[in-house]
Amino acid sequence: MSSSLNVSLTDELREFVNSRTGDKGLYATPSEYLRDLIRRDIQSQETVNHVMEGLNDLKRGRFSDKSILDIGEED
């Protein structure tokens, strides 16, 4: 299910969006561009959350002397 969202942009921001969309841009439409930005933001937040979980593990003394390569080879 989709719904619409109206966004007000300054002229400068609208010009930037226009430069990223259309015939000369990477994205066909402003909506496509904004959806991709939101998806990337979600992925970035997931990465931040994962790092924070790791830091919390370190604070609680839950860590390994193994490298990430060693752990990967165990699978």
N, C-alpha and C. Protein backbone atom coordinates (compact mmCIF):
# COMPACT_ATOMS: atom_id res chain seq x y z
N MET A 1 0.84 -1.17 0.00
CA MET A 1 0.00 0.00 0.00
C MET A 1 0.88 1.23 0.00
N SER A 2 0.55 2.19 -0.79
CA SER A 2 1.34 3.42 -0.83
C SER A 2 0.46 4.60 -0.46
N SER A 3 1.11 5.62 0.00
CA SER A 3 0.42 6.86 0.31
C SER A 3 1.30 8.01 -0.14
N SER A 4 0.72 9.16 -0.26
CA SER A 4 1.50 10.30 -0.74
C SER A 4 1.93 11.18 0.43
N LEU A 5 2.98 11.94 0.18
CA LEU A 5 3.54 12.85 1.16
C LEU A 5 3.94 14.11 0.43
N ASN A 6 3.44 15.22 0.86
CA ASN A 6 3.82 16.50 0.25
C ASN A 6 4.98 17.10 1.03
N VAL A 7 5.98 17.57 0.32
CA VAL A 7 7.17 18.12 0.95
C VAL A 7 7.44 19.51 0.37
N SER A 8 7.66 20.46 1.26
CA SER A 8 8.04 21.81 0.81
C SER A 8 9.55 21.92 0.83
N LEU A 9 10.12 22.40 -0.27
CA LEU A 9 11.57 22.54 -0.39
C LEU A 9 11.91 23.98 -0.72
N THR A 10 13.08 24.39 -0.27
CA THR A 10 13.58 25.69 -0.69
C THR A 10 13.92 25.61 -2.17
N ASP A 11 14.07 26.73 -2.81
CA ASP A 11 14.44 26.73 -4.23
C ASP A 11 15.75 25.99 -4.46
N GLU A 12 16.70 26.20 -3.55
CA GLU A 12 18.00 25.55 -3.68
C GLU A 12 17.87 24.02 -3.62
N LEU A 13 17.08 23.53 -2.65
CA LEU A 13 16.90 22.09 -2.55
C LEU A 13 16.14 21.53 -3.75
N ARG A 14 15.15 22.26 -4.22
CA ARG A 14 14.39 21.80 -5.39
C ARG A 14 15.29 21.72 -6.63
N GLU A 15 16.17 22.68 -6.79
CA GLU A 15 17.11 22.66 -7.92
C GLU A 15 18.02 21.44 -7.83
N PHE A 16 18.45 21.12 -6.61
CA PHE A 16 19.30 19.94 -6.44
C PHE A 16 18.54 18.67 -6.79
N VAL A 17 17.32 18.55 -6.30
CA VAL A 17 16.50 17.38 -6.63
C VAL A 17 16.32 17.29 -8.13
N ASN A 18 16.04 18.41 -8.76
CA ASN A 18 15.87 18.43 -10.21
C ASN A 18 17.13 17.97 -10.94
N SER A 19 18.29 18.29 -10.38
CA SER A 19 19.55 17.89 -11.02
C SER A 19 19.79 16.39 -10.90
N ARG A 20 19.17 15.75 -9.94
CA ARG A 20 19.34 14.30 -9.72
C ARG A 20 18.28 13.47 -10.41
N THR A 21 17.26 14.13 -10.98
CA THR A 21 16.14 13.42 -11.57
C THR A 21 15.92 13.85 -13.02
N GLY A 22 15.11 13.08 -13.71
CA GLY A 22 14.78 13.42 -15.09
C GLY A 22 15.78 12.84 -16.08
N ASP A 23 15.78 13.39 -17.27
CA ASP A 23 16.62 12.87 -18.36
C ASP A 23 18.11 12.88 -18.05
N LYS A 24 18.58 13.89 -17.32
CA LYS A 24 20.02 14.00 -17.05
C LYS A 24 20.41 13.44 -15.69
N GLY A 25 19.44 13.01 -14.90
CA GLY A 25 19.73 12.54 -13.56
C GLY A 25 19.78 11.03 -13.43
N LEU A 26 20.16 10.60 -12.28
CA LEU A 26 20.25 9.17 -11.98
C LEU A 26 18.87 8.56 -11.75
N TYR A 27 17.92 9.36 -11.29
CA TYR A 27 16.59 8.89 -10.96
C TYR A 27 15.56 9.45 -11.93
N ALA A 28 14.54 8.68 -12.21
CA ALA A 28 13.52 9.11 -13.16
C ALA A 28 12.64 10.21 -12.59
N THR A 29 12.32 10.11 -11.30
CA THR A 29 11.40 11.07 -10.69
C THR A 29 11.90 11.49 -9.31
N PRO A 30 11.44 12.64 -8.83
CA PRO A 30 11.78 13.03 -7.45
C PRO A 30 11.32 11.99 -6.43
N SER A 31 10.18 11.37 -6.66
CA SER A 31 9.70 10.35 -5.72
C SER A 31 10.67 9.17 -5.64
N GLU A 32 11.16 8.73 -6.79
CA GLU A 32 12.13 7.63 -6.82
C GLU A 32 13.39 8.02 -6.04
N TYR A 33 13.84 9.24 -6.24
CA TYR A 33 15.03 9.73 -5.54
C TYR A 33 14.82 9.76 -4.03
N LEU A 34 13.70 10.29 -3.59
CA LEU A 34 13.42 10.36 -2.15
C LEU A 34 13.26 8.98 -1.53
N ARG A 35 12.60 8.07 -2.24
CA ARG A 35 12.47 6.70 -1.71
C ARG A 35 13.84 6.06 -1.53
N ASP A 36 14.75 6.27 -2.48
CA ASP A 36 16.09 5.71 -2.36
C ASP A 36 16.85 6.33 -1.18
N LEU A 37 16.70 7.65 -1.01
CA LEU A 37 17.35 8.29 0.14
C LEU A 37 16.84 7.72 1.46
N ILE A 38 15.55 7.49 1.54
CA ILE A 38 14.97 6.93 2.77
C ILE A 38 15.47 5.51 3.00
N ARG A 39 15.52 4.71 1.94
CA ARG A 39 16.04 3.33 2.08
C ARG A 39 17.49 3.34 2.54
N ARG A 40 18.29 4.24 1.99
CA ARG A 40 19.70 4.33 2.41
C ARG A 40 19.82 4.78 3.85
N ASP A 41 18.95 5.68 4.27
CA ASP A 41 18.95 6.13 5.66
C ASP A 41 18.59 4.98 6.60
N ILE A 42 17.63 4.16 6.20
CA ILE A 42 17.26 2.99 7.00
C ILE A 42 18.47 2.06 7.14
N GLN A 43 19.17 1.80 6.04
CA GLN A 43 20.36 0.94 6.09
C GLN A 43 21.44 1.54 6.99
N SER A 44 21.64 2.85 6.89
CA SER A 44 22.64 3.51 7.73
C SER A 44 22.28 3.38 9.20
N GLN A 45 21.01 3.55 9.52
CA GLN A 45 20.58 3.43 10.91
C GLN A 45 20.76 2.01 11.42
N GLU A 46 20.51 1.02 10.56
CA GLU A 46 20.73 -0.37 10.96
C GLU A 46 22.21 -0.60 11.27
N THR A 47 23.09 -0.01 10.49
CA THR A 47 24.53 -0.14 10.73
C THR A 47 24.90 0.51 12.06
N VAL A 48 24.38 1.70 12.31
CA VAL A 48 24.65 2.39 13.58
C VAL A 48 24.16 1.54 14.74
N ASN A 49 22.96 1.00 14.62
CA ASN A 49 22.42 0.16 15.70
C ASN A 49 23.29 -1.06 15.94
N HIS A 50 23.81 -1.66 14.88
CA HIS A 50 24.67 -2.83 15.02
C HIS A 50 25.98 -2.46 15.73
N VAL A 51 26.55 -1.34 15.36
CA VAL A 51 27.78 -0.88 16.03
C VAL A 51 27.51 -0.59 17.50
N MET A 52 26.39 0.04 17.79
CA MET A 52 26.05 0.34 19.19
C MET A 52 25.88 -0.94 20.01
N GLU A 53 25.28 -1.96 19.40
CA GLU A 53 25.15 -3.26 20.09
C GLU A 53 26.53 -3.82 20.40
N GLY A 54 27.46 -3.70 19.46
CA GLY A 54 28.82 -4.18 19.68
C GLY A 54 29.51 -3.43 20.79
N LEU A 55 29.31 -2.11 20.82
CA LEU A 55 29.91 -1.31 21.89
C LEU A 55 29.33 -1.70 23.24
N ASN A 56 28.03 -1.95 23.28
CA ASN A 56 27.41 -2.39 24.54
C ASN A 56 27.96 -3.74 24.98
N ASP A 57 28.21 -4.63 24.01
CA ASP A 57 28.82 -5.92 24.35
C ASP A 57 30.20 -5.70 24.97
N LEU A 58 30.99 -4.80 24.40
CA LEU A 58 32.32 -4.52 24.95
C LEU A 58 32.22 -3.97 26.37
N LYS A 59 31.29 -3.06 26.60
CA LYS A 59 31.11 -2.49 27.94
C LYS A 59 30.76 -3.55 28.97
N ARG A 60 30.06 -4.58 28.52
CA ARG A 60 29.63 -5.65 29.43
C ARG A 60 30.63 -6.80 29.49
N GLY A 61 31.77 -6.62 28.82
CA GLY A 61 32.81 -7.64 28.86
C GLY A 61 32.58 -8.82 27.94
N ARG A 62 31.64 -8.67 27.02
CA ARG A 62 31.36 -9.75 26.06
C ARG A 62 32.11 -9.45 24.77
N PHE A 63 33.29 -10.08 24.64
CA PHE A 63 34.09 -9.88 23.43
C PHE A 63 34.94 -11.11 23.19
N SER A 64 35.54 -11.14 22.01
CA SER A 64 36.37 -12.28 21.60
C SER A 64 37.73 -11.77 21.15
N ASP A 65 38.73 -12.57 21.35
CA ASP A 65 40.07 -12.25 20.86
C ASP A 65 40.22 -12.59 19.38
N LYS A 66 39.22 -13.25 18.81
CA LYS A 66 39.28 -13.64 17.41
C LYS A 66 39.03 -12.44 16.51
N SER A 67 39.66 -12.48 15.33
CA SER A 67 39.41 -11.43 14.35
C SER A 67 38.11 -11.73 13.61
N ILE A 68 37.61 -10.76 12.90
CA ILE A 68 36.40 -10.97 12.10
C ILE A 68 36.64 -12.04 11.04
N LEU A 69 37.87 -12.13 10.54
CA LEU A 69 38.20 -13.17 9.57
C LEU A 69 38.15 -14.56 10.20
N ASP A 70 38.64 -14.67 11.43
CA ASP A 70 38.59 -15.96 12.14
C ASP A 70 37.15 -16.38 12.35
N ILE A 71 36.33 -15.45 12.77
CA ILE A 71 34.93 -15.76 13.02
C ILE A 71 34.24 -16.16 11.72
N GLY A 72 34.55 -15.48 10.65
CA GLY A 72 33.95 -15.80 9.35
C GLY A 72 34.32 -17.18 8.85
N GLU A 73 35.53 -17.63 9.18
CA GLU A 73 35.99 -18.94 8.74
C GLU A 73 35.31 -20.08 9.51
N GLU A 74 34.73 -19.77 10.67
CA GLU A 74 34.08 -20.79 11.48
C GLU A 74 32.78 -21.27 10.86
N ASP A 75 32.19 -20.49 10.00
CA ASP A 75 30.89 -20.86 9.41
C ASP A 75 30.98 -21.94 8.41
